[in-house]
Protein backbone atom coordinates (compact mmCIF):
# COMPACT_ATOMS: atom_id res chain seq x y z
CA MET A 1 30.91 16.33 4.78
CA LYS A 2 29.22 19.41 6.24
CA PRO A 3 26.82 18.86 9.17
CA ALA A 4 23.98 20.61 7.30
CA VAL A 5 24.35 18.22 4.35
CA VAL A 6 24.38 15.21 6.66
CA ALA A 7 21.28 16.50 8.49
CA ALA A 8 19.45 17.11 5.22
CA ALA A 9 20.30 13.61 4.01
CA LEU A 10 18.99 12.09 7.25
CA VAL A 11 15.74 14.07 7.04
CA PHE A 12 15.28 13.02 3.41
CA ALA A 13 15.91 9.34 4.24
CA ALA A 14 13.49 9.46 7.18
CA SER A 15 10.84 11.18 5.05
CA ALA A 16 11.21 8.60 2.29
CA ALA A 17 10.92 5.73 4.78
CA PHE A 18 7.80 7.29 6.34
CA ALA A 19 6.21 7.88 2.94
CA GLN A 20 6.89 4.30 1.92
CA GLN A 21 5.43 2.96 5.17
CA SER A 22 2.30 5.10 5.10
CA ALA A 23 1.50 4.86 1.37
CA LEU A 24 -1.43 2.71 0.39
CA PRO A 25 -0.60 -0.41 -1.62
CA LYS A 26 -0.98 -0.19 -5.37
CA ILE A 27 -3.44 -2.81 -6.55
CA ALA A 28 -5.37 -2.26 -9.77
CA LYS A 29 -9.12 -1.94 -9.51
CA ASP A 30 -10.85 -5.12 -10.77
CA THR A 31 -7.96 -7.36 -9.60
CA GLY A 32 -9.29 -10.65 -8.22
CA TYR A 33 -9.07 -10.69 -4.44
CA PRO A 34 -6.93 -13.88 -4.26
CA ALA A 35 -4.30 -12.17 -6.46
CA ALA A 36 -4.58 -8.98 -4.36
CA ARG A 37 -3.94 -11.04 -1.20
CA LYS A 38 -0.69 -12.35 -2.67
CA THR A 39 0.38 -8.80 -3.55
CA LEU A 40 -0.42 -7.52 -0.05
CA LEU A 41 1.52 -10.36 1.59
CA ALA A 42 4.49 -9.65 -0.70
CA GLN A 43 4.35 -5.97 0.33
CA GLY A 44 4.58 -6.87 4.02
CA TYR A 45 0.91 -6.58 4.98
CA GLU A 46 -0.65 -9.15 7.28
CA PRO A 47 -4.31 -10.14 7.31
CA VAL A 48 -5.96 -9.01 10.53
CA ARG A 49 -9.30 -10.08 11.97
CA LEU A 50 -10.73 -7.19 13.95
CA PRO A 51 -12.71 -7.97 17.13
CA ASP A 52 -15.91 -6.44 15.74
CA ALA A 53 -15.74 -8.33 12.42
CA SER A 54 -18.83 -10.18 11.24
CA ALA A 55 -18.77 -13.96 10.95
CA CYS A 56 -18.79 -15.37 7.44
CA GLU A 57 -19.97 -18.69 6.07
CA LYS A 58 -17.10 -21.11 5.45
CA ASP A 59 -18.52 -22.16 2.07
CA ASP A 60 -18.67 -18.52 0.91
CA PRO A 61 -15.83 -17.90 -1.59
CA ARG A 62 -15.49 -14.42 -0.07
CA CYS A 63 -14.71 -15.81 3.40
CA PHE A 64 -11.09 -15.09 4.36
CA THR A 65 -9.55 -14.64 7.81
CA GLU A 66 -9.38 -10.88 7.31
CA ALA A 67 -13.03 -10.48 6.22
CA PHE A 68 -14.56 -7.64 8.22
CA ALA A 69 -18.01 -7.61 6.66
CA CYS A 70 -19.69 -8.94 3.52
CA ALA A 71 -23.09 -8.01 2.17
CA GLY A 72 -25.38 -10.86 1.25
CA THR A 73 -27.25 -8.95 -1.43
CA GLY A 74 -26.78 -6.28 -4.06
CA LEU A 75 -23.18 -5.90 -5.23
CA ALA A 76 -21.98 -8.59 -2.79
CA ALA A 77 -19.56 -6.03 -1.35
CA CYS A 78 -16.95 -7.06 1.23
CA VAL A 79 -14.41 -5.22 3.38
CA TYR A 80 -11.13 -6.93 4.29
CA THR A 81 -8.67 -5.55 6.86
CA TRP A 82 -4.87 -5.68 6.68
CA ARG A 83 -2.06 -4.37 8.89
CA ARG A 84 1.53 -3.29 8.24
CA GLY A 85 3.26 -1.71 11.20
CA ASN A 86 0.84 0.77 12.77
CA SER A 87 -1.21 1.10 9.58
CA VAL A 88 -4.51 -0.69 9.08
CA ILE A 89 -6.09 -0.61 5.63
CA GLU A 90 -9.40 -1.74 4.20
CA VAL A 91 -9.62 -3.50 0.86
CA ARG A 92 -13.14 -3.19 -0.50
CA THR A 93 -14.36 -5.70 -3.06
CA ILE A 94 -17.49 -6.40 -5.06
CA GLY A 95 -18.91 -9.57 -6.56
CA GLU A 96 -19.52 -13.18 -5.60
CA GLN A 97 -15.99 -13.91 -6.85
CA PRO A 98 -14.55 -10.78 -5.21
CA ILE A 99 -12.62 -8.21 -7.20
CA VAL A 100 -10.91 -5.15 -5.73
CA ASP A 101 -13.02 -1.99 -5.91
CA SER A 102 -10.96 0.30 -3.66
CA ILE A 103 -8.37 0.52 -0.87
CA ARG A 104 -8.49 3.05 1.94
CA CYS A 105 -6.75 3.79 5.20
CA ARG A 106 -8.60 2.71 8.32
CA SER A 107 -5.99 4.01 10.79
CA GLY A 108 -2.33 4.97 11.16
CA CYS A 109 -1.60 5.73 7.52
């Protein structure tokens, strides 16, 4: 095999691996957060509690290890943080029984 073909194949493989690592997880909007957690775990993400996270009430159904902040009024919005490799993402939910509203990169994506 020619060196140029081998080099191109290696670049393509590295690019595909990087794209896979840095892509945000695909979770449908309005998915219940417990189901979204299972999906994230299956995709290799780990829940992470950031040092500046707010405390949550243990009897609050929105209270998970990875809860960063939850609003007590309005849409009952919460932000949950997850890590895979160097990437940290935020899963934003709404509702007393939280459903996924959006996912965004916090860092390293």
